[in-house]
Amino acid sequence: MLSRRACLSALAAAVNAAPVPKMQAVPMPGFQISFERNGREIARYHCNPELRRPFLFPVIGPSGRPVTRMGHPHDPEGHSHHNSVWITHHDVNGVTFWGDKGPGQIVHQRIEKLIDGMNSAAVIAHAHWVNTDTNRVLIKERRTITVHDLPDNELLIGIDLELQGPATFGKTPFGLIGVRMAKTIGVNDGGGVIRNSEGREDEPNVLWQRAKWVDYSGPVTDQATEGITLFDHPSNPNHPSYFHVRRDGWMGASLSHDAPRKFDTLKLRYGLYVHAGTPSREALEKRFLEFAR
């Protein structure tokens, strides 16, 4: 039985204890970080050094269903590199990091920090972009992924990149960020809708066009529509970015679509607004301006 003094000490400790963070980045076995809101997973970061690249999967929408997937729904082997939400590039100093069979591999090095909070949780991770044919490091990367809690179980996922060269991203529409939507959100498989910040709709009008953001929305259940808006931050060097968007359910912001980009140090920021319904352009623009600030 506890003494009166011990009981009082325990009570004082409980009263003075910090509140349990609503948002947490929880380390898991196998080089994985689970982002959780009130103990329920809303996203997971995979960074095993044996992977071709780190990625986020799943990303959970407001209904509790994933809004992204792994691979193309009709070509899973040929598009095995479509890893839900991922960072990569088709041409780094002439080396491709895009597919799963090239010499380029983004190899996780270490977790710098895990951050919990009432409104957001984050992981800061380091990786090397390696030419496996020569075992040479082409880029050193510091990546910060921050998952922000929004009302009605929506999310804003911020991805901040610090890339150390010197290196050159070659002219290509493939890279730097890709998002593979859930099958039923795609236009071809689920009747989804593609829109951009410039008032354009559908692949023929959005593909390889400059925009501040592109939204991909579609059904996740018989009763619910959800989606992701991919934001290109105004501080990015090619803003507004060209976007690579397809009716089969994927979108990406193309950093070097128009020309090669040489750098010693490159800082980039992208955002993913994970939302319910099909928000109006006005609502998406308001959310973009909040992200931009």
C-alpha atoms as a PDB file:
ATOM      1  CA  MET A   1       0.000   0.000   0.000  1.00  0.00           C
ATOM      2  CA  LEU A   2       1.329   3.441  -0.915  1.00  0.00           C
ATOM      3  CA  SER A   3       2.056   5.893   1.861  1.00  0.00           C
ATOM      4  CA  ARG A   4       0.166   9.193   2.038  1.00  0.00           C
ATOM      5  CA  ARG A   5       3.308  11.012   0.880  1.00  0.00           C
ATOM      6  CA  ALA A   6       3.733   8.672  -2.108  1.00  0.00           C
ATOM      7  CA  CYS A   7       0.070   9.138  -3.070  1.00  0.00           C
ATOM      8  CA  LEU A   8       0.416  12.920  -2.909  1.00  0.00           C
ATOM      9  CA  SER A   9       3.599  12.779  -5.011  1.00  0.00           C
ATOM     10  CA  ALA A  10       1.896  10.593  -7.618  1.00  0.00           C
ATOM     11  CA  LEU A  11      -1.105  12.957  -7.694  1.00  0.00           C
ATOM     12  CA  ALA A  12       1.156  15.991  -8.114  1.00  0.00           C
ATOM     13  CA  ALA A  13       3.033  14.268 -10.936  1.00  0.00           C
ATOM     14  CA  ALA A  14      -0.234  13.467 -12.699  1.00  0.00           C
ATOM     15  CA  VAL A  15      -1.463  17.050 -12.349  1.00  0.00           C
ATOM     16  CA  ASN A  16       1.816  18.461 -13.695  1.00  0.00           C
ATOM     17  CA  ALA A  17       2.204  15.922 -16.514  1.00  0.00           C
ATOM     18  CA  ALA A  18       2.316  17.284 -20.036  1.00  0.00           C
ATOM     19  CA  PRO A  19      -0.729  16.464 -22.156  1.00  0.00           C
ATOM     20  CA  VAL A  20      -0.384  13.451 -24.442  1.00  0.00           C
ATOM     21  CA  PRO A  21       0.281  14.735 -27.997  1.00  0.00           C
ATOM     22  CA  LYS A  22      -2.631  14.243 -30.365  1.00  0.00           C
ATOM     23  CA  MET A  23      -0.249  13.811 -33.311  1.00  0.00           C
ATOM     24  CA  GLN A  24       2.663  11.383 -33.004  1.00  0.00           C
ATOM     25  CA  ALA A  25       5.427   9.990 -35.224  1.00  0.00           C
ATOM     26  CA  VAL A  26       5.889   6.476 -33.856  1.00  0.00           C
ATOM     27  CA  PRO A  27       8.937   4.368 -34.848  1.00  0.00           C
ATOM     28  CA  MET A  28       8.010   0.862 -36.003  1.00  0.00           C
ATOM     29  CA  PRO A  29      10.027  -2.267 -36.867  1.00  0.00           C
ATOM     30  CA  GLY A  30      11.574  -2.519 -40.305  1.00  0.00           C
ATOM     31  CA  PHE A  31      12.596   1.141 -40.744  1.00  0.00           C
ATOM     32  CA  GLN A  32       9.042   2.500 -40.694  1.00  0.00           C
ATOM     33  CA  ILE A  33       7.500   5.554 -39.034  1.00  0.00           C
ATOM     34  CA  SER A  34       3.760   5.513 -38.287  1.00  0.00           C
ATOM     35  CA  PHE A  35       2.069   8.914 -38.187  1.00  0.00           C
ATOM     36  CA  GLU A  36      -0.841   8.666 -35.774  1.00  0.00           C
ATOM     37  CA  ARG A  37      -3.718  10.898 -34.699  1.00  0.00           C
ATOM     38  CA  ASN A  38      -5.112   9.932 -31.314  1.00  0.00           C
ATOM     39  CA  GLY A  39      -3.526   6.504 -31.692  1.00  0.00           C
ATOM     40  CA  ARG A  40      -4.873   5.777 -35.181  1.00  0.00           C
ATOM     41  CA  GLU A  41      -2.546   5.611 -38.157  1.00  0.00           C
ATOM     42  CA  ILE A  42      -3.038   8.260 -40.845  1.00  0.00           C
ATOM     43  CA  ALA A  43       0.187   7.745 -42.824  1.00  0.00           C
ATOM     44  CA  ARG A  44       3.326   5.624 -42.744  1.00  0.00           C
ATOM     45  CA  TYR A  45       6.865   6.418 -43.903  1.00  0.00           C
ATOM     46  CA  HIS A  46       8.931   3.502 -45.264  1.00  0.00           C
ATOM     47  CA  CYS A  47      12.694   4.019 -45.336  1.00  0.00           C
ATOM     48  CA  ASN A  48      14.386   0.602 -45.241  1.00  0.00           C
ATOM     49  CA  PRO A  49      17.854   1.066 -46.824  1.00  0.00           C
ATOM     50  CA  GLU A  50      17.162  -1.961 -49.041  1.00  0.00           C
ATOM     51  CA  LEU A  51      14.276  -0.170 -50.772  1.00  0.00           C
ATOM     52  CA  ARG A  52      14.792   1.579 -54.104  1.00  0.00           C
ATOM     53  CA  ARG A  53      13.532   4.774 -52.485  1.00  0.00           C
ATOM     54  CA  PRO A  54      11.697   5.908 -49.324  1.00  0.00           C
ATOM     55  CA  PHE A  55       7.965   6.539 -49.649  1.00  0.00           C
ATOM     56  CA  LEU A  56       4.700   7.224 -47.807  1.00  0.00           C
ATOM     57  CA  PHE A  57       2.073   4.467 -47.737  1.00  0.00           C
ATOM     58  CA  PRO A  58      -0.693   4.380 -46.818  1.00  0.00           C
ATOM     59  CA  VAL A  59      -2.123   7.883 -46.714  1.00  0.00           C
ATOM     60  CA  ILE A  60      -5.505   7.662 -44.977  1.00  0.00           C
ATOM     61  CA  GLY A  61      -8.386   9.924 -45.970  1.00  0.00           C
ATOM     62  CA  PRO A  62     -11.132  11.294 -43.696  1.00  0.00           C
ATOM     63  CA  SER A  63     -13.320   8.187 -44.160  1.00  0.00           C
ATOM     64  CA  GLY A  64     -10.537   5.923 -42.899  1.00  0.00           C
ATOM     65  CA  ARG A  65      -9.774   4.528 -46.362  1.00  0.00           C
ATOM     66  CA  PRO A  66      -6.408   4.883 -48.170  1.00  0.00           C
ATOM     67  CA  VAL A  67      -6.396   7.551 -50.870  1.00  0.00           C
ATOM     68  CA  THR A  68      -3.149   6.276 -52.432  1.00  0.00           C
ATOM     69  CA  ARG A  69      -1.931   2.874 -53.619  1.00  0.00           C
ATOM     70  CA  MET A  70       1.241   1.005 -54.554  1.00  0.00           C
ATOM     71  CA  GLY A  71       1.729   0.514 -58.310  1.00  0.00           C
ATOM     72  CA  HIS A  72      -0.399   0.946 -61.412  1.00  0.00           C
ATOM     73  CA  PRO A  73      -3.727  -0.915 -61.107  1.00  0.00           C
ATOM     74  CA  HIS A  74      -3.310  -2.473 -64.577  1.00  0.00           C
ATOM     75  CA  ASP A  75       0.481  -2.785 -64.781  1.00  0.00           C
ATOM     76  CA  PRO A  76       1.775  -3.583 -61.283  1.00  0.00           C
ATOM     77  CA  GLU A  77       5.187  -4.871 -62.391  1.00  0.00           C
ATOM     78  CA  GLY A  78       5.914  -2.297 -65.077  1.00  0.00           C
ATOM     79  CA  HIS A  79       4.969   0.489 -62.652  1.00  0.00           C
ATOM     80  CA  SER A  80       6.255  -1.038 -59.422  1.00  0.00           C
ATOM     81  CA  HIS A  81       8.133   2.228 -58.848  1.00  0.00           C
ATOM     82  CA  HIS A  82       4.832   4.081 -58.290  1.00  0.00           C
ATOM     83  CA  ASN A  83       5.179   4.014 -54.512  1.00  0.00           C
ATOM     84  CA  SER A  84       2.089   5.892 -53.291  1.00  0.00           C
ATOM     85  CA  VAL A  85       3.826   9.216 -52.476  1.00  0.00           C
ATOM     86  CA  TRP A  86       7.493   9.276 -53.426  1.00  0.00           C
ATOM     87  CA  ILE A  87      10.448  11.498 -54.315  1.00  0.00           C
ATOM     88  CA  THR A  88      12.735  10.613 -57.229  1.00  0.00           C
ATOM     89  CA  HIS A  89      14.003  11.788 -60.633  1.00  0.00           C
ATOM     90  CA  HIS A  90      14.574  10.217 -64.028  1.00  0.00           C
ATOM     91  CA  ASP A  91      17.921  11.902 -64.734  1.00  0.00           C
ATOM     92  CA  VAL A  92      20.520  12.823 -62.111  1.00  0.00           C
ATOM     93  CA  ASN A  93      23.871  13.430 -63.799  1.00  0.00           C
ATOM     94  CA  GLY A  94      22.655  11.031 -66.488  1.00  0.00           C
ATOM     95  CA  VAL A  95      21.664   8.328 -63.963  1.00  0.00           C
ATOM     96  CA  THR A  96      18.003   7.315 -63.660  1.00  0.00           C
ATOM     97  CA  PHE A  97      16.410   6.988 -60.234  1.00  0.00           C
ATOM     98  CA  TRP A  98      12.891   6.688 -61.668  1.00  0.00           C
ATOM     99  CA  GLY A  99      12.291   2.975 -62.239  1.00  0.00           C
ATOM    100  CA  ASP A 100      13.114  -0.074 -60.155  1.00  0.00           C
ATOM    101  CA  LYS A 101      15.725  -1.498 -62.554  1.00  0.00           C
ATOM    102  CA  GLY A 102      18.093   1.426 -63.083  1.00  0.00           C
ATOM    103  CA  PRO A 103      21.343   2.090 -61.218  1.00  0.00           C
ATOM    104  CA  GLY A 104      19.913   4.935 -59.115  1.00  0.00           C
ATOM    105  CA  GLN A 105      18.880   4.176 -55.533  1.00  0.00           C
ATOM    106  CA  ILE A 106      17.888   6.597 -52.775  1.00  0.00           C
ATOM    107  CA  VAL A 107      19.379   4.945 -49.699  1.00  0.00           C
ATOM    108  CA  HIS A 108      18.161   5.890 -46.223  1.00  0.00           C
ATOM    109  CA  GLN A 109      20.977   6.819 -43.824  1.00  0.00           C
ATOM    110  CA  ARG A 110      19.468   7.848 -40.506  1.00  0.00           C
ATOM    111  CA  ILE A 111      16.563   9.438 -38.652  1.00  0.00           C
ATOM    112  CA  GLU A 112      17.631  12.785 -37.282  1.00  0.00           C
ATOM    113  CA  LYS A 113      14.539  13.518 -35.231  1.00  0.00           C
ATOM    114  CA  LEU A 114      10.947  12.500 -34.496  1.00  0.00           C
ATOM    115  CA  ILE A 115       8.570  15.268 -33.406  1.00  0.00           C
ATOM    116  CA  ASP A 116       5.179  14.912 -31.711  1.00  0.00           C
ATOM    117  CA  GLY A 117       2.670  17.669 -31.060  1.00  0.00           C
ATOM    118  CA  MET A 118      -0.952  18.612 -30.592  1.00  0.00           C
ATOM    119  CA  ASN A 119      -1.360  19.894 -34.155  1.00  0.00           C
ATOM    120  CA  SER A 120       1.333  18.081 -36.139  1.00  0.00           C
ATOM    121  CA  ALA A 121       3.951  15.328 -36.107  1.00  0.00           C
ATOM    122  CA  ALA A 122       7.141  15.128 -38.134  1.00  0.00           C
ATOM    123  CA  VAL A 123      10.146  13.030 -39.073  1.00  0.00           C
ATOM    124  CA  ILE A 124      13.488  14.384 -40.243  1.00  0.00           C
ATOM    125  CA  ALA A 125      15.423  11.790 -42.245  1.00  0.00           C
ATOM    126  CA  HIS A 126      18.670  11.688 -44.213  1.00  0.00           C
ATOM    127  CA  ALA A 127      19.332   9.738 -47.414  1.00  0.00           C
ATOM    128  CA  HIS A 128      21.950   9.418 -50.163  1.00  0.00           C
ATOM    129  CA  TRP A 129      21.165   9.310 -53.882  1.00  0.00           C
ATOM    130  CA  VAL A 130      23.606   6.607 -55.017  1.00  0.00           C
ATOM    131  CA  ASN A 131      24.749   5.417 -58.435  1.00  0.00           C
ATOM    132  CA  THR A 132      24.964   1.725 -57.565  1.00  0.00           C
ATOM    133  CA  ASP A 133      27.083   0.978 -60.659  1.00  0.00           C
ATOM    134  CA  THR A 134      29.927   3.077 -59.244  1.00  0.00           C
ATOM    135  CA  ASN A 135      28.830   3.258 -55.578  1.00  0.00           C
ATOM    136  CA  ARG A 136      29.089   7.043 -55.851  1.00  0.00           C
ATOM    137  CA  VAL A 137      26.862   9.411 -53.872  1.00  0.00           C
ATOM    138  CA  LEU A 138      25.384  11.977 -56.268  1.00  0.00           C
ATOM    139  CA  ILE A 139      23.122  13.850 -53.835  1.00  0.00           C
ATOM    140  CA  LYS A 140      22.856  14.070 -50.064  1.00  0.00           C
ATOM    141  CA  GLU A 141      19.274  14.626 -48.947  1.00  0.00           C
ATOM    142  CA  ARG A 142      17.666  15.912 -45.751  1.00  0.00           C
ATOM    143  CA  ARG A 143      13.905  15.321 -45.814  1.00  0.00           C
ATOM    144  CA  THR A 144      11.318  16.634 -43.371  1.00  0.00           C
ATOM    145  CA  ILE A 145       7.823  15.172 -43.530  1.00  0.00           C
ATOM    146  CA  THR A 146       5.263  17.005 -41.401  1.00  0.00           C
ATOM    147  CA  VAL A 147       1.691  15.756 -41.013  1.00  0.00           C
ATOM    148  CA  HIS A 148      -0.688  18.509 -39.910  1.00  0.00           C
ATOM    149  CA  ASP A 149      -4.054  17.810 -38.332  1.00  0.00           C
ATOM    150  CA  LEU A 150      -6.974  19.614 -39.990  1.00  0.00           C
ATOM    151  CA  PRO A 151     -10.676  19.756 -39.042  1.00  0.00           C
ATOM    152  CA  ASP A 152     -12.994  16.906 -40.040  1.00  0.00           C
ATOM    153  CA  ASN A 153     -10.148  14.361 -40.166  1.00  0.00           C
ATOM    154  CA  GLU A 154      -8.450  16.053 -43.118  1.00  0.00           C
ATOM    155  CA  LEU A 155      -4.651  16.344 -43.355  1.00  0.00           C
ATOM    156  CA  LEU A 156      -1.951  18.549 -44.795  1.00  0.00           C
ATOM    157  CA  ILE A 157       1.309  16.692 -45.421  1.00  0.00           C
ATOM    158  CA  GLY A 158       4.321  18.918 -45.977  1.00  0.00           C
ATOM    159  CA  ILE A 159       7.476  17.545 -47.610  1.00  0.00           C
ATOM    160  CA  ASP A 160      10.596  19.715 -47.301  1.00  0.00           C
ATOM    161  CA  LEU A 161      13.741  18.700 -49.160  1.00  0.00           C
ATOM    162  CA  GLU A 162      17.314  19.956 -48.794  1.00  0.00           C
ATOM    163  CA  LEU A 163      19.468  18.494 -51.565  1.00  0.00           C
ATOM    164  CA  GLN A 164      23.255  18.848 -51.592  1.00  0.00           C
ATOM    165  CA  GLY A 165      25.097  18.384 -54.900  1.00  0.00           C
ATOM    166  CA  PRO A 166      26.719  19.476 -57.024  1.00  0.00           C
ATOM    167  CA  ALA A 167      24.329  17.736 -59.380  1.00  0.00           C
ATOM    168  CA  THR A 168      22.166  18.273 -62.442  1.00  0.00           C
ATOM    169  CA  PHE A 169      18.554  17.249 -62.858  1.00  0.00           C
ATOM    170  CA  GLY A 170      18.171  16.565 -66.573  1.00  0.00           C
ATOM    171  CA  LYS A 171      15.280  17.779 -68.718  1.00  0.00           C
ATOM    172  CA  THR A 172      12.415  15.313 -68.130  1.00  0.00           C
ATOM    173  CA  PRO A 173       8.780  15.293 -66.959  1.00  0.00           C
ATOM    174  CA  PHE A 174       9.563  12.453 -64.518  1.00  0.00           C
ATOM    175  CA  GLY A 175      10.425  13.900 -61.109  1.00  0.00           C
ATOM    176  CA  LEU A 176      10.569  15.202 -58.494  1.00  0.00           C
ATOM    177  CA  ILE A 177       7.424  14.197 -56.576  1.00  0.00           C
ATOM    178  CA  GLY A 178       4.851  11.579 -57.590  1.00  0.00           C
ATOM    179  CA  VAL A 179       1.463  10.600 -56.184  1.00  0.00           C
ATOM    180  CA  ARG A 180      -0.314   7.376 -57.176  1.00  0.00           C
ATOM    181  CA  MET A 181      -3.985   7.687 -56.273  1.00  0.00           C
ATOM    182  CA  ALA A 182      -6.212   4.850 -55.073  1.00  0.00           C
ATOM    183  CA  LYS A 183      -7.690   2.901 -57.986  1.00  0.00           C
ATOM    184  CA  THR A 184     -11.249   4.132 -57.526  1.00  0.00           C
ATOM    185  CA  ILE A 185     -10.132   7.781 -57.464  1.00  0.00           C
ATOM    186  CA  GLY A 186      -8.634   7.498 -60.953  1.00  0.00           C
ATOM    187  CA  VAL A 187     -10.634   8.855 -63.878  1.00  0.00           C
ATOM    188  CA  ASN A 188     -10.420   5.603 -65.845  1.00  0.00           C
ATOM    189  CA  ASP A 189     -11.340   3.221 -63.018  1.00  0.00           C
ATOM    190  CA  GLY A 190     -13.537   5.270 -60.743  1.00  0.00           C
ATOM    191  CA  GLY A 191     -14.777   8.327 -62.559  1.00  0.00           C
ATOM    192  CA  GLY A 192     -12.507  10.710 -60.676  1.00  0.00           C
ATOM    193  CA  VAL A 193     -11.982  14.380 -61.512  1.00  0.00           C
ATOM    194  CA  ILE A 194      -8.723  16.231 -62.291  1.00  0.00           C
ATOM    195  CA  ARG A 195      -8.567  20.016 -61.827  1.00  0.00           C
ATOM    196  CA  ASN A 196      -5.836  22.612 -61.519  1.00  0.00           C
ATOM    197  CA  SER A 197      -5.395  26.113 -60.138  1.00  0.00           C
ATOM    198  CA  GLU A 198      -5.758  27.664 -63.577  1.00  0.00           C
ATOM    199  CA  GLY A 199      -9.343  26.513 -64.025  1.00  0.00           C
ATOM    200  CA  ARG A 200      -8.521  23.584 -66.304  1.00  0.00           C
ATOM    201  CA  GLU A 201     -10.032  20.091 -66.036  1.00  0.00           C
ATOM    202  CA  ASP A 202      -9.103  16.568 -67.164  1.00  0.00           C
ATOM    203  CA  GLU A 203      -5.817  15.169 -68.473  1.00  0.00           C
ATOM    204  CA  PRO A 204      -5.741  16.756 -71.958  1.00  0.00           C
ATOM    205  CA  ASN A 205      -6.046  20.234 -70.427  1.00  0.00           C
ATOM    206  CA  VAL A 206      -3.895  19.696 -67.315  1.00  0.00           C
ATOM    207  CA  LEU A 207      -1.053  17.488 -68.578  1.00  0.00           C
ATOM    208  CA  TRP A 208       2.279  19.371 -68.788  1.00  0.00           C
ATOM    209  CA  GLN A 209       0.646  22.676 -67.962  1.00  0.00           C
ATOM    210  CA  ARG A 210       1.935  25.103 -65.349  1.00  0.00           C
ATOM    211  CA  ALA A 211      -0.129  25.380 -62.171  1.00  0.00           C
ATOM    212  CA  LYS A 212       0.185  26.189 -58.488  1.00  0.00           C
ATOM    213  CA  TRP A 213      -1.706  23.018 -57.624  1.00  0.00           C
ATOM    214  CA  VAL A 214      -3.493  20.028 -59.108  1.00  0.00           C
ATOM    215  CA  ASP A 215      -6.375  18.246 -57.394  1.00  0.00           C
ATOM    216  CA  TYR A 216      -7.353  14.603 -57.971  1.00  0.00           C
ATOM    217  CA  SER A 217     -10.682  13.601 -56.395  1.00  0.00           C
ATOM    218  CA  GLY A 218     -12.866  10.516 -56.736  1.00  0.00           C
ATOM    219  CA  PRO A 219     -14.931   7.892 -54.896  1.00  0.00           C
ATOM    220  CA  VAL A 220     -13.417   5.859 -52.050  1.00  0.00           C
ATOM    221  CA  THR A 221     -16.720   4.233 -51.017  1.00  0.00           C
ATOM    222  CA  ASP A 222     -20.224   4.171 -52.481  1.00  0.00           C
ATOM    223  CA  GLN A 223     -21.045   7.145 -50.267  1.00  0.00           C
ATOM    224  CA  ALA A 224     -17.760   9.048 -49.974  1.00  0.00           C
ATOM    225  CA  THR A 225     -15.594  11.053 -52.354  1.00  0.00           C
ATOM    226  CA  GLU A 226     -12.079  12.079 -51.274  1.00  0.00           C
ATOM    227  CA  GLY A 227      -8.852  13.200 -52.847  1.00  0.00           C
ATOM    228  CA  ILE A 228      -5.463  14.880 -52.699  1.00  0.00           C
ATOM    229  CA  THR A 229      -4.412  18.323 -53.853  1.00  0.00           C
ATOM    230  CA  LEU A 230      -0.706  18.472 -54.718  1.00  0.00           C
ATOM    231  CA  PHE A 231       0.721  21.922 -53.897  1.00  0.00           C
ATOM    232  CA  ASP A 232       3.852  23.407 -55.457  1.00  0.00           C
ATOM    233  CA  HIS A 233       5.266  25.962 -53.018  1.00  0.00           C
ATOM    234  CA  PRO A 234       5.937  29.497 -54.351  1.00  0.00           C
ATOM    235  CA  SER A 235       9.552  29.285 -53.134  1.00  0.00           C
ATOM    236  CA  ASN A 236      10.309  26.388 -55.500  1.00  0.00           C
ATOM    237  CA  PRO A 237      12.570  27.540 -58.354  1.00  0.00           C
ATOM    238  CA  ASN A 238      10.196  26.604 -61.207  1.00  0.00           C
ATOM    239  CA  HIS A 239       6.944  27.744 -59.562  1.00  0.00           C
ATOM    240  CA  PRO A 240       4.314  27.445 -60.872  1.00  0.00           C
ATOM    241  CA  SER A 241       5.399  23.928 -61.754  1.00  0.00           C
ATOM    242  CA  TYR A 242       4.593  21.881 -64.793  1.00  0.00           C
ATOM    243  CA  PHE A 243       2.435  18.932 -63.736  1.00  0.00           C
ATOM    244  CA  HIS A 244       2.459  15.400 -65.133  1.00  0.00           C
ATOM    245  CA  VAL A 245      -1.066  14.076 -64.649  1.00  0.00           C
ATOM    246  CA  ARG A 246      -2.810  10.998 -66.068  1.00  0.00           C
ATOM    247  CA  ARG A 247      -6.376   9.690 -66.135  1.00  0.00           C
ATOM    248  CA  ASP A 248      -5.085   6.326 -64.883  1.00  0.00           C
ATOM    249  CA  GLY A 249      -4.660   7.807 -61.407  1.00  0.00           C
ATOM    250  CA  TRP A 250      -1.332   9.511 -60.934  1.00  0.00           C
ATOM    251  CA  MET A 251       0.056  13.036 -60.759  1.00  0.00           C
ATOM    252  CA  GLY A 252       3.422  14.626 -60.199  1.00  0.00           C
ATOM    253  CA  ALA A 253       5.104  18.027 -60.143  1.00  0.00           C
ATOM    254  CA  SER A 254       7.850  18.166 -62.792  1.00  0.00           C
ATOM    255  CA  LEU A 255      10.821  20.167 -61.545  1.00  0.00           C
ATOM    256  CA  SER A 256      12.840  20.076 -64.788  1.00  0.00           C
ATOM    257  CA  HIS A 257      10.194  19.571 -67.456  1.00  0.00           C
ATOM    258  CA  ASP A 258      11.315  22.576 -69.481  1.00  0.00           C
ATOM    259  CA  ALA A 259      15.091  22.582 -68.941  1.00  0.00           C
ATOM    260  CA  PRO A 260      17.921  20.948 -66.960  1.00  0.00           C
ATOM    261  CA  ARG A 261      18.544  22.317 -63.493  1.00  0.00           C
ATOM    262  CA  LYS A 262      22.051  22.492 -62.027  1.00  0.00           C
ATOM    263  CA  PHE A 263      22.529  23.055 -58.312  1.00  0.00           C
ATOM    264  CA  ASP A 264      24.950  22.912 -55.429  1.00  0.00           C
ATOM    265  CA  THR A 265      22.190  23.251 -52.834  1.00  0.00           C
ATOM    266  CA  LEU A 266      18.495  23.012 -53.644  1.00  0.00           C
ATOM    267  CA  LYS A 267      15.595  23.527 -51.232  1.00  0.00           C
ATOM    268  CA  LEU A 268      12.090  22.460 -52.218  1.00  0.00           C
ATOM    269  CA  ARG A 269       8.703  22.269 -50.544  1.00  0.00           C
ATOM    270  CA  TYR A 270       5.621  20.330 -51.604  1.00  0.00           C
ATOM    271  CA  GLY A 271       2.275  19.847 -49.904  1.00  0.00           C
ATOM    272  CA  LEU A 272      -0.506  17.280 -50.063  1.00  0.00           C
ATOM    273  CA  TYR A 273      -3.944  18.342 -48.903  1.00  0.00           C
ATOM    274  CA  VAL A 274      -5.864  15.150 -48.066  1.00  0.00           C
ATOM    275  CA  HIS A 275      -9.512  16.135 -48.151  1.00  0.00           C
ATOM    276  CA  ALA A 276     -13.107  14.965 -48.141  1.00  0.00           C
ATOM    277  CA  GLY A 277     -15.447  15.551 -51.062  1.00  0.00           C
ATOM    278  CA  THR A 278     -14.595  17.585 -54.138  1.00  0.00           C
ATOM    279  CA  PRO A 279     -13.791  21.025 -52.715  1.00  0.00           C
ATOM    280  CA  SER A 280     -14.470  24.124 -54.769  1.00  0.00           C
ATOM    281  CA  ARG A 281     -11.548  25.847 -56.453  1.00  0.00           C
ATOM    282  CA  GLU A 282     -12.043  28.723 -54.036  1.00  0.00           C
ATOM    283  CA  ALA A 283     -11.661  26.377 -51.065  1.00  0.00           C
ATOM    284  CA  LEU A 284      -8.573  24.751 -52.579  1.00  0.00           C
ATOM    285  CA  GLU A 285      -7.036  28.129 -53.334  1.00  0.00           C
ATOM    286  CA  LYS A 286      -7.620  29.224 -49.737  1.00  0.00           C
ATOM    287  CA  ARG A 287      -5.906  26.076 -48.469  1.00  0.00           C
ATOM    288  CA  PHE A 288      -3.034  26.639 -50.919  1.00  0.00           C
ATOM    289  CA  LEU A 289      -2.517  30.211 -49.670  1.00  0.00           C
ATOM    290  CA  GLU A 290      -2.356  28.912 -46.091  1.00  0.00           C
ATOM    291  CA  PHE A 291       0.289  26.388 -47.203  1.00  0.00           C
ATOM    292  CA  ALA A 292       2.185  29.070 -49.109  1.00  0.00           C
ATOM    293  CA  ARG A 293       2.466  31.194 -45.978  1.00  0.00           C
END
